Protein backbone atom coordinates (compact mmCIF):
# COMPACT_ATOMS: atom_id res chain seq x y z
CA MET A 1 96.19 124.20 108.98
CA PRO A 2 95.06 122.55 112.16
CA GLN A 3 96.23 118.72 112.43
CA MET A 4 93.33 116.23 111.89
CA LEU A 5 94.86 113.03 113.02
CA ALA A 6 93.92 109.37 111.71
CA VAL A 7 93.91 106.93 114.33
CA CYS A 8 97.41 105.90 113.55
CA GLY A 9 98.48 109.58 114.09
CA LEU A 10 98.99 110.52 110.51
CA ASP A 11 97.95 114.02 109.64
CA CYS A 12 95.10 113.63 107.14
CA ALA A 13 94.88 117.35 106.89
CA VAL A 14 98.23 117.23 105.01
CA CYS A 15 97.31 114.07 103.01
CA PRO A 16 96.64 114.36 99.47
CA ALA A 17 93.70 112.17 99.35
CA GLN A 18 92.15 114.22 101.70
CA ILE A 19 92.99 117.64 100.17
CA ALA A 20 91.75 115.97 96.54
CA HIS A 21 88.42 115.33 98.44
CA LYS A 22 87.90 118.67 100.01
CA THR A 23 89.10 120.84 96.79
CA ASP A 24 88.11 118.07 94.11
CA ASP A 25 91.55 118.86 92.76
CA GLN A 26 91.92 116.38 89.67
CA ALA A 27 95.18 117.23 88.88
CA LEU A 28 96.41 116.35 92.42
CA ARG A 29 94.89 113.24 92.15
CA VAL A 30 96.58 112.59 89.06
CA LYS A 31 99.79 113.46 90.30
CA THR A 32 99.43 111.46 93.70
CA ALA A 33 97.87 108.29 91.90
CA ALA A 34 101.46 108.37 89.99
CA GLU A 35 103.57 109.03 92.68
CA TRP A 36 102.00 106.49 95.26
CA SER A 37 101.46 104.05 92.39
CA LYS A 38 105.51 104.09 92.28
CA GLN A 39 106.30 104.48 95.68
CA PHE A 40 104.25 101.52 97.02
CA ASN A 41 104.61 99.56 93.85
CA VAL A 42 100.97 98.98 93.49
CA ALA A 43 98.28 100.48 90.47
CA LEU A 44 96.48 103.45 91.64
CA ALA A 45 94.07 105.07 89.50
CA PRO A 46 93.30 108.79 90.21
CA GLU A 47 90.16 108.09 91.40
CA ALA A 48 91.16 105.96 94.24
CA ILE A 49 92.74 109.32 95.69
CA ASP A 50 89.86 110.39 97.53
CA CYS A 51 89.50 110.30 101.29
CA VAL A 52 87.47 111.61 104.10
CA GLY A 53 89.64 110.47 106.92
CA CYS A 54 89.48 107.24 108.77
CA LEU A 55 87.54 108.55 111.53
CA THR A 56 84.49 109.39 109.09
CA LEU A 57 82.38 105.93 108.72
CA ASP A 58 80.44 107.33 105.35
CA GLY A 59 82.13 108.76 102.21
CA PRO A 60 85.42 107.69 100.24
CA HIS A 61 88.10 106.18 101.82
CA ILE A 62 91.76 105.64 100.41
CA GLY A 63 92.03 102.00 99.74
CA HIS A 64 93.75 100.56 102.62
CA CYS A 65 91.13 101.68 105.11
CA GLY A 66 89.02 99.09 104.87
CA GLU A 67 91.66 96.65 105.90
CA CYS A 68 93.62 98.54 108.25
CA GLU A 69 94.16 96.76 111.80
CA ILE A 70 95.11 99.91 113.24
CA ARG A 71 91.74 101.63 112.45
CA LYS A 72 89.78 98.57 113.11
CA CYS A 73 91.19 98.61 116.42
CA GLY A 74 90.60 102.36 117.17
CA LEU A 75 87.00 102.04 116.04
CA SER A 76 86.34 99.32 118.14
CA ARG A 77 87.79 100.89 121.14
CA ARG A 78 86.34 104.14 120.13
CA VAL A 79 89.05 106.47 120.47
CA LYS A 80 89.74 109.13 117.98
CA ASN A 81 93.74 108.27 117.77
CA CYS A 82 95.90 105.49 119.55
CA ALA A 83 97.48 107.86 122.04
CA LEU A 84 94.11 108.33 123.64
CA CYS A 85 93.80 104.24 124.20
CA GLY A 86 95.30 102.85 127.70
CA ASP A 87 97.20 100.19 125.63
CA TYR A 88 99.36 102.80 123.69
CA PRO A 89 101.72 101.96 122.56
CA CYS A 90 100.84 98.51 121.69
CA ASP A 91 101.70 95.61 119.28
CA THR A 92 98.94 96.39 116.99
CA ILE A 93 100.59 100.05 116.53
CA GLY A 94 104.21 99.25 117.16
CA ASN A 95 105.42 98.53 113.95
CA PHE A 96 103.95 101.24 112.06
CA ILE A 97 105.18 104.34 114.62
CA ALA A 98 108.59 102.38 114.28
CA ASN A 99 108.49 103.14 110.71
CA VAL A 100 106.62 106.25 110.57
CA PRO A 101 108.07 108.74 113.10
CA SER A 102 105.64 111.71 111.98
CA ALA A 103 102.96 109.89 113.06
CA LYS A 104 104.74 108.57 116.60
CA ALA A 105 105.54 112.21 117.01
CA ASN A 106 101.82 113.39 116.61
CA LEU A 107 100.62 110.58 118.97
CA ASP A 108 103.44 111.11 121.69
CA GLU A 109 102.40 114.84 121.35
CA VAL A 110 98.85 114.08 122.15
CA ARG A 111 99.46 111.74 124.72
CA GLY A 112 101.75 114.38 126.37
CA PHE A 113 98.56 116.57 126.62
CA ARG A 114 96.13 113.84 127.56
CA PRO A 115 94.60 114.26 131.38
CA MET A 116 95.01 111.27 133.41
């Protein structure tokens, strides 16, 4: 399955919220809502597990997208992901990628293939 990177480098193609949206899989929504509610200590309803990806402006987004500073920055700079920004890595993405090595690896891979 090809990657579909969010601005922050997360691979939306493997995200349960993206998969549930594409496949309309209610069982996956229920399972993911329970897992994420426990993992992040929040109450998530299965209906919240629905997302088109942060680069798409219209359609459902997982709750945090509306307040995500990384997404806001990337959209304002008109870059598909942080690796394509001349300021990468910056303070806005730095703490996140320090804690999410898979996102950092995805962004670093894109950055390595970026024409200079």
